[in-house]
Amino acid sequence: MATRFEWVLWGQPLERLRAAGEEALDEVEALEAALSRYRSPSDIGRVNAGAAQGPVRVAPGTFRLLQRCRDLSAATQGAFDITVGALLRVWGFVGGTGQRPSPQALAEARAASGWERVHLDPDTGSVAFDRPGVELDLGAIGKGYALDRAMDLLHEAEVPHALLHGGTSSIVTRGMAPNGQSWRVGLPGRPGAETQESISLRDESLSISAVWGKAFTEGGEELGHVLDPRTGEPVRRARCAVVVGPEAAVSDALSTALLVLGPEGRPLIEANMPGYRCIQLA
């Protein structure tokens, strides 16, 4: 997933913690093999390559995740949408740092995006596209989903206290920090702020979405890799957004949606997704 995953675990003998932690890391690697668009044998790789020619069967877990992504897209009025693969490609963010596409190329990519292009068949567990050029990209939910699955394994191993993160932008916690308090997580600084803000987490997840990272400059403006699925353009409403809630996968999706929607997205998300709270940083 082009990032670093790290665990902080305590509350059991070291040998048991190490074994549980290694099993959880193995699960992340297995999910990378199943969900990465960059690996042709993966479920998503096979779907992107063949679903325009006919239905492609995927693993049950992958199918359930795709159904969840469709539901989250509906709940955010399309601000979160994994069908943006063609848009990410035409903007040069698939394996690159970006460049503005031609109007014709952008129009073609927009025509190949949207859930109306995707058919999920629960009877066969298969995925089909209604035209060539459609591509799925799980970059806005994959890290959080992997963290949830890893935490499930730690729960089965009876690890009482844990903090897991993927690239520091997706975090999930269980129990308490070693000091007996809630886990304290730093937030990206606001422009001009003298001190770094932080937030307390206990049995919660946190996701940060931001325009920095893969980005390019055009006319003095930094254009990042987070695209508005509804317009096909890089987001400009905000530069950074944070969501906190029970599941890391959902927090990931919702932080992306909040970044796309801007400040007015907060009431929509919190009304449609009880248990999740939005923090618009900048």
C-alpha atoms as a PDB file:
ATOM      1  CA  MET A   1       0.000   0.000   0.000  1.00  0.00           C
ATOM      2  CA  ALA A   2       3.060   2.206  -0.503  1.00  0.00           C
ATOM      3  CA  THR A   3       3.238   3.030   3.186  1.00  0.00           C
ATOM      4  CA  ARG A   4       4.615   1.807   6.509  1.00  0.00           C
ATOM      5  CA  PHE A   5       2.438  -0.083   8.978  1.00  0.00           C
ATOM      6  CA  GLU A   6       3.447  -0.135  12.653  1.00  0.00           C
ATOM      7  CA  TRP A   7       1.929  -1.559  15.843  1.00  0.00           C
ATOM      8  CA  VAL A   8       2.216  -0.584  19.517  1.00  0.00           C
ATOM      9  CA  LEU A   9       1.005  -3.511  21.646  1.00  0.00           C
ATOM     10  CA  TRP A  10       1.066  -4.168  25.374  1.00  0.00           C
ATOM     11  CA  GLY A  11      -0.746  -6.131  28.078  1.00  0.00           C
ATOM     12  CA  GLN A  12       0.592  -9.645  27.394  1.00  0.00           C
ATOM     13  CA  PRO A  13       3.964 -11.403  27.572  1.00  0.00           C
ATOM     14  CA  LEU A  14       6.303 -10.234  24.813  1.00  0.00           C
ATOM     15  CA  GLU A  15       6.330 -13.599  23.025  1.00  0.00           C
ATOM     16  CA  ARG A  16       2.520 -13.615  22.662  1.00  0.00           C
ATOM     17  CA  LEU A  17       2.464  -9.993  21.550  1.00  0.00           C
ATOM     18  CA  ARG A  18       5.135 -10.618  18.934  1.00  0.00           C
ATOM     19  CA  ALA A  19       3.292 -13.632  17.520  1.00  0.00           C
ATOM     20  CA  ALA A  20      -0.026 -11.777  17.391  1.00  0.00           C
ATOM     21  CA  GLY A  21       1.576  -8.699  15.863  1.00  0.00           C
ATOM     22  CA  GLU A  22       3.325 -10.695  13.161  1.00  0.00           C
ATOM     23  CA  GLU A  23       0.083 -12.467  12.271  1.00  0.00           C
ATOM     24  CA  ALA A  24      -1.627  -9.076  11.964  1.00  0.00           C
ATOM     25  CA  LEU A  25       1.143  -7.777   9.689  1.00  0.00           C
ATOM     26  CA  ASP A  26       0.833 -10.898   7.540  1.00  0.00           C
ATOM     27  CA  GLU A  27      -2.868 -10.081   7.131  1.00  0.00           C
ATOM     28  CA  VAL A  28      -1.987  -6.631   5.808  1.00  0.00           C
ATOM     29  CA  GLU A  29       0.333  -8.196   3.239  1.00  0.00           C
ATOM     30  CA  ALA A  30      -2.397 -10.651   2.202  1.00  0.00           C
ATOM     31  CA  LEU A  31      -4.863  -7.799   1.717  1.00  0.00           C
ATOM     32  CA  GLU A  32      -2.316  -5.900  -0.364  1.00  0.00           C
ATOM     33  CA  ALA A  33      -2.064  -8.952  -2.613  1.00  0.00           C
ATOM     34  CA  ALA A  34      -5.861  -9.140  -2.910  1.00  0.00           C
ATOM     35  CA  LEU A  35      -6.816  -5.477  -3.281  1.00  0.00           C
ATOM     36  CA  SER A  36      -3.987  -3.567  -4.983  1.00  0.00           C
ATOM     37  CA  ARG A  37      -4.763  -2.197  -8.442  1.00  0.00           C
ATOM     38  CA  TYR A  38      -1.021  -2.389  -9.131  1.00  0.00           C
ATOM     39  CA  ARG A  39      -0.914  -6.203  -8.853  1.00  0.00           C
ATOM     40  CA  SER A  40      -2.477  -7.862 -11.882  1.00  0.00           C
ATOM     41  CA  PRO A  41      -3.276 -11.185 -10.080  1.00  0.00           C
ATOM     42  CA  SER A  42      -5.183  -9.370  -7.298  1.00  0.00           C
ATOM     43  CA  ASP A  43      -8.968  -9.323  -7.200  1.00  0.00           C
ATOM     44  CA  ILE A  44      -9.000  -5.625  -8.102  1.00  0.00           C
ATOM     45  CA  GLY A  45      -6.357  -6.113 -10.786  1.00  0.00           C
ATOM     46  CA  ARG A  46      -8.417  -8.875 -12.396  1.00  0.00           C
ATOM     47  CA  VAL A  47     -11.618  -6.833 -12.159  1.00  0.00           C
ATOM     48  CA  ASN A  48     -10.026  -3.781 -13.749  1.00  0.00           C
ATOM     49  CA  ALA A  49      -8.562  -5.910 -16.534  1.00  0.00           C
ATOM     50  CA  GLY A  50     -11.579  -8.058 -17.329  1.00  0.00           C
ATOM     51  CA  ALA A  51     -14.886  -6.789 -15.918  1.00  0.00           C
ATOM     52  CA  ALA A  52     -15.700  -4.815 -19.084  1.00  0.00           C
ATOM     53  CA  GLN A  53     -15.649  -8.097 -21.041  1.00  0.00           C
ATOM     54  CA  GLY A  54     -17.777 -10.039 -18.571  1.00  0.00           C
ATOM     55  CA  PRO A  55     -18.382 -10.757 -14.868  1.00  0.00           C
ATOM     56  CA  VAL A  56     -15.265 -11.415 -12.764  1.00  0.00           C
ATOM     57  CA  ARG A  57     -15.664 -13.407  -9.559  1.00  0.00           C
ATOM     58  CA  VAL A  58     -13.818 -12.158  -6.496  1.00  0.00           C
ATOM     59  CA  ALA A  59     -13.240 -13.444  -2.972  1.00  0.00           C
ATOM     60  CA  PRO A  60     -16.208 -13.043  -0.599  1.00  0.00           C
ATOM     61  CA  GLY A  61     -14.317 -10.540   1.547  1.00  0.00           C
ATOM     62  CA  THR A  62     -13.496  -8.420  -1.482  1.00  0.00           C
ATOM     63  CA  PHE A  63     -17.100  -8.522  -2.645  1.00  0.00           C
ATOM     64  CA  ARG A  64     -18.392  -7.400   0.763  1.00  0.00           C
ATOM     65  CA  LEU A  65     -15.873  -4.549   0.779  1.00  0.00           C
ATOM     66  CA  LEU A  66     -17.062  -3.400  -2.649  1.00  0.00           C
ATOM     67  CA  GLN A  67     -20.652  -3.446  -1.427  1.00  0.00           C
ATOM     68  CA  ARG A  68     -19.602  -1.353   1.572  1.00  0.00           C
ATOM     69  CA  CYS A  69     -17.837   1.099  -0.730  1.00  0.00           C
ATOM     70  CA  ARG A  70     -21.001   1.473  -2.805  1.00  0.00           C
ATOM     71  CA  ASP A  71     -23.031   2.169   0.357  1.00  0.00           C
ATOM     72  CA  LEU A  72     -20.510   4.728   1.590  1.00  0.00           C
ATOM     73  CA  SER A  73     -20.597   6.457  -1.775  1.00  0.00           C
ATOM     74  CA  ALA A  74     -24.378   6.778  -1.473  1.00  0.00           C
ATOM     75  CA  ALA A  75     -24.114   8.047   2.131  1.00  0.00           C
ATOM     76  CA  THR A  76     -21.672  10.785   1.063  1.00  0.00           C
ATOM     77  CA  GLN A  77     -23.611  11.724  -2.076  1.00  0.00           C
ATOM     78  CA  GLY A  78     -20.762  10.550  -4.270  1.00  0.00           C
ATOM     79  CA  ALA A  79     -17.955  12.428  -2.515  1.00  0.00           C
ATOM     80  CA  PHE A  80     -16.305   9.078  -1.713  1.00  0.00           C
ATOM     81  CA  ASP A  81     -16.165   6.865  -4.789  1.00  0.00           C
ATOM     82  CA  ILE A  82     -13.726   4.052  -5.614  1.00  0.00           C
ATOM     83  CA  THR A  83     -14.696   4.197  -9.302  1.00  0.00           C
ATOM     84  CA  VAL A  84     -12.303   7.149  -9.754  1.00  0.00           C
ATOM     85  CA  GLY A  85      -9.540   4.905 -11.112  1.00  0.00           C
ATOM     86  CA  ALA A  86      -9.807   6.277 -14.643  1.00  0.00           C
ATOM     87  CA  LEU A  87      -9.736   9.841 -13.328  1.00  0.00           C
ATOM     88  CA  LEU A  88      -6.631   9.182 -11.229  1.00  0.00           C
ATOM     89  CA  ARG A  89      -4.949   7.685 -14.278  1.00  0.00           C
ATOM     90  CA  VAL A  90      -5.768  10.566 -16.639  1.00  0.00           C
ATOM     91  CA  TRP A  91      -4.539  13.091 -14.069  1.00  0.00           C
ATOM     92  CA  GLY A  92      -1.209  11.229 -13.896  1.00  0.00           C
ATOM     93  CA  PHE A  93      -1.565  10.089 -10.285  1.00  0.00           C
ATOM     94  CA  VAL A  94      -1.236   6.362 -11.062  1.00  0.00           C
ATOM     95  CA  GLY A  95       2.484   5.878 -10.584  1.00  0.00           C
ATOM     96  CA  GLY A  96       3.215   9.602 -10.960  1.00  0.00           C
ATOM     97  CA  THR A  97       2.868  12.987  -9.288  1.00  0.00           C
ATOM     98  CA  GLY A  98       0.254  14.388 -11.644  1.00  0.00           C
ATOM     99  CA  GLN A  99      -0.352  16.595 -14.657  1.00  0.00           C
ATOM    100  CA  ARG A 100      -3.425  18.276 -16.116  1.00  0.00           C
ATOM    101  CA  PRO A 101      -5.162  16.156 -18.772  1.00  0.00           C
ATOM    102  CA  SER A 102      -6.646  17.471 -21.980  1.00  0.00           C
ATOM    103  CA  PRO A 103     -10.366  18.330 -21.870  1.00  0.00           C
ATOM    104  CA  GLN A 104     -11.140  15.376 -24.148  1.00  0.00           C
ATOM    105  CA  ALA A 105      -9.156  12.912 -22.007  1.00  0.00           C
ATOM    106  CA  LEU A 106     -10.840  14.201 -18.850  1.00  0.00           C
ATOM    107  CA  ALA A 107     -14.289  13.861 -20.425  1.00  0.00           C
ATOM    108  CA  GLU A 108     -13.536  10.265 -21.416  1.00  0.00           C
ATOM    109  CA  ALA A 109     -12.327   9.445 -17.897  1.00  0.00           C
ATOM    110  CA  ARG A 110     -15.447  10.974 -16.370  1.00  0.00           C
ATOM    111  CA  ALA A 111     -17.581   8.865 -18.695  1.00  0.00           C
ATOM    112  CA  ALA A 112     -15.767   5.775 -17.349  1.00  0.00           C
ATOM    113  CA  SER A 113     -16.435   6.702 -13.711  1.00  0.00           C
ATOM    114  CA  GLY A 114     -19.436   6.318 -11.401  1.00  0.00           C
ATOM    115  CA  TRP A 115     -21.236   3.432  -9.721  1.00  0.00           C
ATOM    116  CA  GLU A 116     -23.751   3.260 -12.558  1.00  0.00           C
ATOM    117  CA  ARG A 117     -20.881   1.702 -14.543  1.00  0.00           C
ATOM    118  CA  VAL A 118     -20.423  -1.138 -12.025  1.00  0.00           C
ATOM    119  CA  HIS A 119     -22.677  -4.145 -11.440  1.00  0.00           C
ATOM    120  CA  LEU A 120     -22.220  -6.229  -8.287  1.00  0.00           C
ATOM    121  CA  ASP A 121     -23.934  -9.617  -8.467  1.00  0.00           C
ATOM    122  CA  PRO A 122     -24.408 -11.058  -4.953  1.00  0.00           C
ATOM    123  CA  ASP A 123     -25.597 -14.413  -6.326  1.00  0.00           C
ATOM    124  CA  THR A 124     -22.281 -15.102  -8.054  1.00  0.00           C
ATOM    125  CA  GLY A 125     -19.982 -12.769  -6.083  1.00  0.00           C
ATOM    126  CA  SER A 126     -18.905 -11.180  -9.348  1.00  0.00           C
ATOM    127  CA  VAL A 127     -18.210  -7.689 -10.664  1.00  0.00           C
ATOM    128  CA  ALA A 128     -18.960  -6.403 -14.163  1.00  0.00           C
ATOM    129  CA  PHE A 129     -18.473  -3.029 -15.889  1.00  0.00           C
ATOM    130  CA  ASP A 130     -20.858  -1.680 -18.512  1.00  0.00           C
ATOM    131  CA  ARG A 131     -18.102  -0.208 -20.686  1.00  0.00           C
ATOM    132  CA  PRO A 132     -14.319  -0.346 -21.194  1.00  0.00           C
ATOM    133  CA  GLY A 133     -12.049   2.002 -19.299  1.00  0.00           C
ATOM    134  CA  VAL A 134     -13.677   1.688 -15.861  1.00  0.00           C
ATOM    135  CA  GLU A 135     -11.153   1.192 -13.049  1.00  0.00           C
ATOM    136  CA  LEU A 136     -11.594   0.665  -9.320  1.00  0.00           C
ATOM    137  CA  ASP A 137      -9.113   2.177  -6.870  1.00  0.00           C
ATOM    138  CA  LEU A 138      -9.276   1.382  -3.143  1.00  0.00           C
ATOM    139  CA  GLY A 139      -6.656   3.922  -2.123  1.00  0.00           C
ATOM    140  CA  ALA A 140      -9.152   5.940  -0.073  1.00  0.00           C
ATOM    141  CA  ILE A 141     -10.248   2.980   2.067  1.00  0.00           C
ATOM    142  CA  GLY A 142      -7.635   0.228   1.770  1.00  0.00           C
ATOM    143  CA  LYS A 143      -5.369   1.203   4.671  1.00  0.00           C
ATOM    144  CA  GLY A 144      -8.261   1.571   7.076  1.00  0.00           C
ATOM    145  CA  TYR A 145      -9.749  -1.742   5.985  1.00  0.00           C
ATOM    146  CA  ALA A 146      -6.408  -3.461   6.524  1.00  0.00           C
ATOM    147  CA  LEU A 147      -6.116  -1.938  10.000  1.00  0.00           C
ATOM    148  CA  ASP A 148      -9.610  -3.143  10.928  1.00  0.00           C
ATOM    149  CA  ARG A 149      -8.766  -6.664   9.818  1.00  0.00           C
ATOM    150  CA  ALA A 150      -5.454  -6.582  11.691  1.00  0.00           C
ATOM    151  CA  MET A 151      -7.196  -5.371  14.852  1.00  0.00           C
ATOM    152  CA  ASP A 152      -9.744  -8.197  14.516  1.00  0.00           C
ATOM    153  CA  LEU A 153      -6.872 -10.691  14.677  1.00  0.00           C
ATOM    154  CA  LEU A 154      -5.370  -8.969  17.712  1.00  0.00           C
ATOM    155  CA  HIS A 155      -8.767  -9.099  19.395  1.00  0.00           C
ATOM    156  CA  GLU A 156      -8.965 -12.849  18.700  1.00  0.00           C
ATOM    157  CA  ALA A 157      -5.491 -13.184  20.233  1.00  0.00           C
ATOM    158  CA  GLU A 158      -6.790 -11.349  23.334  1.00  0.00           C
ATOM    159  CA  VAL A 159      -4.348  -8.461  23.001  1.00  0.00           C
ATOM    160  CA  PRO A 160      -5.991  -5.887  25.319  1.00  0.00           C
ATOM    161  CA  HIS A 161      -4.190  -2.697  24.316  1.00  0.00           C
ATOM    162  CA  ALA A 162      -3.008  -1.653  20.871  1.00  0.00           C
ATOM    163  CA  LEU A 163      -2.450   1.259  18.521  1.00  0.00           C
ATOM    164  CA  LEU A 164      -2.046   0.431  14.826  1.00  0.00           C
ATOM    165  CA  HIS A 165      -1.268   2.873  12.053  1.00  0.00           C
ATOM    166  CA  GLY A 166      -0.713   2.873   8.322  1.00  0.00           C
ATOM    167  CA  GLY A 167       1.438   5.781   7.204  1.00  0.00           C
ATOM    168  CA  THR A 168       0.330   7.741  10.321  1.00  0.00           C
ATOM    169  CA  SER A 169      -2.739   8.942   8.391  1.00  0.00           C
ATOM    170  CA  SER A 170      -4.915   5.931   9.271  1.00  0.00           C
ATOM    171  CA  ILE A 171      -4.987   4.861  12.924  1.00  0.00           C
ATOM    172  CA  VAL A 172      -7.038   2.453  15.028  1.00  0.00           C
ATOM    173  CA  THR A 173      -6.815   1.926  18.789  1.00  0.00           C
ATOM    174  CA  ARG A 174      -7.892  -0.627  21.374  1.00  0.00           C
ATOM    175  CA  GLY A 175      -7.822  -0.217  25.129  1.00  0.00           C
ATOM    176  CA  MET A 176      -5.394   2.189  26.762  1.00  0.00           C
ATOM    177  CA  ALA A 177      -1.909   3.562  26.207  1.00  0.00           C
ATOM    178  CA  PRO A 178       0.882   2.221  28.448  1.00  0.00           C
ATOM    179  CA  ASN A 179       0.416   5.207  30.786  1.00  0.00           C
ATOM    180  CA  GLY A 180      -3.109   4.014  31.603  1.00  0.00           C
ATOM    181  CA  GLN A 181      -4.735   6.889  29.704  1.00  0.00           C
ATOM    182  CA  SER A 182      -6.390   7.100  26.311  1.00  0.00           C
ATOM    183  CA  TRP A 183      -4.057   7.061  23.319  1.00  0.00           C
ATOM    184  CA  ARG A 184      -2.982  10.601  22.369  1.00  0.00           C
ATOM    185  CA  VAL A 185      -2.541  11.192  18.644  1.00  0.00           C
ATOM    186  CA  GLY A 186      -1.078  14.359  17.153  1.00  0.00           C
ATOM    187  CA  LEU A 187      -2.895  16.166  14.348  1.00  0.00           C
ATOM    188  CA  PRO A 188      -1.357  18.076  11.451  1.00  0.00           C
ATOM    189  CA  GLY A 189      -0.725  21.662  12.505  1.00  0.00           C
ATOM    190  CA  ARG A 190      -3.017  24.456  11.403  1.00  0.00           C
ATOM    191  CA  PRO A 191      -1.320  27.256   9.450  1.00  0.00           C
ATOM    192  CA  GLY A 192       0.175  29.697  11.947  1.00  0.00           C
ATOM    193  CA  ALA A 193      -0.455  27.462  14.965  1.00  0.00           C
ATOM    194  CA  GLU A 194       2.236  27.658  17.642  1.00  0.00           C
ATOM    195  CA  THR A 195       1.531  24.233  19.139  1.00  0.00           C
ATOM    196  CA  GLN A 196       0.448  20.914  17.671  1.00  0.00           C
ATOM    197  CA  GLU A 197      -3.075  19.815  18.420  1.00  0.00           C
ATOM    198  CA  SER A 198      -3.821  16.281  19.583  1.00  0.00           C
ATOM    199  CA  ILE A 199      -6.835  14.085  20.151  1.00  0.00           C
ATOM    200  CA  SER A 200      -7.598  11.252  22.586  1.00  0.00           C
ATOM    201  CA  LEU A 201      -8.637   7.878  21.179  1.00  0.00           C
ATOM    202  CA  ARG A 202      -9.849   4.732  22.936  1.00  0.00           C
ATOM    203  CA  ASP A 203     -11.400   1.891  20.924  1.00  0.00           C
ATOM    204  CA  GLU A 204     -11.664   4.341  18.029  1.00  0.00           C
ATOM    205  CA  SER A 205     -10.081   5.044  14.684  1.00  0.00           C
ATOM    206  CA  LEU A 206      -8.847   8.245  13.088  1.00  0.00           C
ATOM    207  CA  SER A 207      -8.209   9.077   9.442  1.00  0.00           C
ATOM    208  CA  ILE A 208      -6.509  12.109   7.926  1.00  0.00           C
ATOM    209  CA  SER A 209      -7.003  12.990   4.254  1.00  0.00           C
ATOM    210  CA  ALA A 210      -4.940  15.768   2.699  1.00  0.00           C
ATOM    211  CA  VAL A 211      -4.060  17.192  -0.697  1.00  0.00           C
ATOM    212  CA  TRP A 212      -0.323  17.005  -0.100  1.00  0.00           C
ATOM    213  CA  GLY A 213       1.733  13.972  -1.055  1.00  0.00           C
ATOM    214  CA  LYS A 214       1.205  13.297  -4.746  1.00  0.00           C
ATOM    215  CA  ALA A 215       0.695  16.778  -6.142  1.00  0.00           C
ATOM    216  CA  PHE A 216       1.836  19.221  -8.796  1.00  0.00           C
ATOM    217  CA  THR A 217       1.769  22.996  -9.107  1.00  0.00           C
ATOM    218  CA  GLU A 218      -0.241  24.836 -11.739  1.00  0.00           C
ATOM    219  CA  GLY A 219      -0.476  28.611 -11.854  1.00  0.00           C
ATOM    220  CA  GLY A 220       0.943  28.835  -8.352  1.00  0.00           C
ATOM    221  CA  GLU A 221      -1.699  26.460  -6.969  1.00  0.00           C
ATOM    222  CA  GLU A 222      -0.901  23.010  -5.595  1.00  0.00           C
ATOM    223  CA  LEU A 223      -3.211  20.372  -7.066  1.00  0.00           C
ATOM    224  CA  GLY A 224      -3.260  17.105  -5.135  1.00  0.00           C
ATOM    225  CA  HIS A 225      -4.244  13.526  -5.856  1.00  0.00           C
ATOM    226  CA  VAL A 226      -7.598  13.656  -4.034  1.00  0.00           C
ATOM    227  CA  LEU A 227     -10.167  14.188  -6.791  1.00  0.00           C
ATOM    228  CA  ASP A 228     -13.802  15.198  -6.597  1.00  0.00           C
ATOM    229  CA  PRO A 229     -15.519  12.200  -8.224  1.00  0.00           C
ATOM    230  CA  ARG A 230     -18.455  14.388  -9.242  1.00  0.00           C
ATOM    231  CA  THR A 231     -16.397  16.871 -11.280  1.00  0.00           C
ATOM    232  CA  GLY A 232     -13.199  14.979 -12.018  1.00  0.00           C
ATOM    233  CA  GLU A 233     -11.136  17.894 -10.664  1.00  0.00           C
ATOM    234  CA  PRO A 234      -8.651  18.002  -7.737  1.00  0.00           C
ATOM    235  CA  VAL A 235     -10.301  19.168  -4.519  1.00  0.00           C
ATOM    236  CA  ARG A 236      -9.973  22.836  -3.602  1.00  0.00           C
ATOM    237  CA  ARG A 237     -12.474  23.208  -0.742  1.00  0.00           C
ATOM    238  CA  ALA A 238      -9.944  22.252   1.952  1.00  0.00           C
ATOM    239  CA  ARG A 239      -6.395  20.973   2.305  1.00  0.00           C
ATOM    240  CA  CYS A 240      -6.812  18.583   5.215  1.00  0.00           C
ATOM    241  CA  ALA A 241      -9.706  16.809   6.925  1.00  0.00           C
ATOM    242  CA  VAL A 242      -9.966  14.378   9.847  1.00  0.00           C
ATOM    243  CA  VAL A 243     -12.693  11.910  10.817  1.00  0.00           C
ATOM    244  CA  VAL A 244     -12.894   9.859  14.033  1.00  0.00           C
ATOM    245  CA  GLY A 245     -15.155   6.842  14.543  1.00  0.00           C
ATOM    246  CA  PRO A 246     -15.442   3.123  15.308  1.00  0.00           C
ATOM    247  CA  GLU A 247     -14.109   1.576  12.059  1.00  0.00           C
ATOM    248  CA  ALA A 248     -10.887   2.647  10.375  1.00  0.00           C
ATOM    249  CA  ALA A 249     -12.165   1.755   6.898  1.00  0.00           C
ATOM    250  CA  VAL A 250     -15.202   3.988   7.307  1.00  0.00           C
ATOM    251  CA  SER A 251     -13.148   6.794   8.835  1.00  0.00           C
ATOM    252  CA  ASP A 252     -10.827   6.609   5.810  1.00  0.00           C
ATOM    253  CA  ALA A 253     -13.708   6.875   3.371  1.00  0.00           C
ATOM    254  CA  LEU A 254     -15.393   9.676   5.289  1.00  0.00           C
ATOM    255  CA  SER A 255     -12.248  11.786   5.672  1.00  0.00           C
ATOM    256  CA  THR A 256     -11.849  11.687   1.893  1.00  0.00           C
ATOM    257  CA  ALA A 257     -15.494  12.669   1.486  1.00  0.00           C
ATOM    258  CA  LEU A 258     -15.084  15.536   3.969  1.00  0.00           C
ATOM    259  CA  LEU A 259     -12.062  16.831   2.071  1.00  0.00           C
ATOM    260  CA  VAL A 260     -14.102  16.772  -1.151  1.00  0.00           C
ATOM    261  CA  LEU A 261     -17.218  18.360   0.340  1.00  0.00           C
ATOM    262  CA  GLY A 262     -15.545  21.039   2.429  1.00  0.00           C
ATOM    263  CA  PRO A 263     -17.021  22.495   5.641  1.00  0.00           C
ATOM    264  CA  GLU A 264     -20.649  21.949   4.620  1.00  0.00           C
ATOM    265  CA  GLY A 265     -19.966  18.222   4.353  1.00  0.00           C
ATOM    266  CA  ARG A 266     -19.764  17.855   8.119  1.00  0.00           C
ATOM    267  CA  PRO A 267     -23.526  17.878   8.863  1.00  0.00           C
ATOM    268  CA  LEU A 268     -24.215  15.529   5.934  1.00  0.00           C
ATOM    269  CA  ILE A 269     -21.634  12.978   7.063  1.00  0.00           C
ATOM    270  CA  GLU A 270     -22.496  13.119  10.762  1.00  0.00           C
ATOM    271  CA  ALA A 271     -26.226  12.822   9.995  1.00  0.00           C
ATOM    272  CA  ASN A 272     -25.796   9.846   7.647  1.00  0.00           C
ATOM    273  CA  MET A 273     -23.044   8.077   9.635  1.00  0.00           C
ATOM    274  CA  PRO A 274     -23.884   8.066  13.384  1.00  0.00           C
ATOM    275  CA  GLY A 275     -20.881   7.498  15.625  1.00  0.00           C
ATOM    276  CA  TYR A 276     -18.458   9.379  13.364  1.00  0.00           C
ATOM    277  CA  ARG A 277     -17.328  12.942  14.005  1.00  0.00           C
ATOM    278  CA  CYS A 278     -15.643  15.289  11.564  1.00  0.00           C
ATOM    279  CA  ILE A 279     -12.755  17.642  12.201  1.00  0.00           C
ATOM    280  CA  GLN A 280     -12.042  20.047   9.358  1.00  0.00           C
ATOM    281  CA  LEU A 281      -8.508  21.238   9.953  1.00  0.00           C
ATOM    282  CA  ALA A 282      -7.795  23.584   7.069  1.00  0.00           C
END
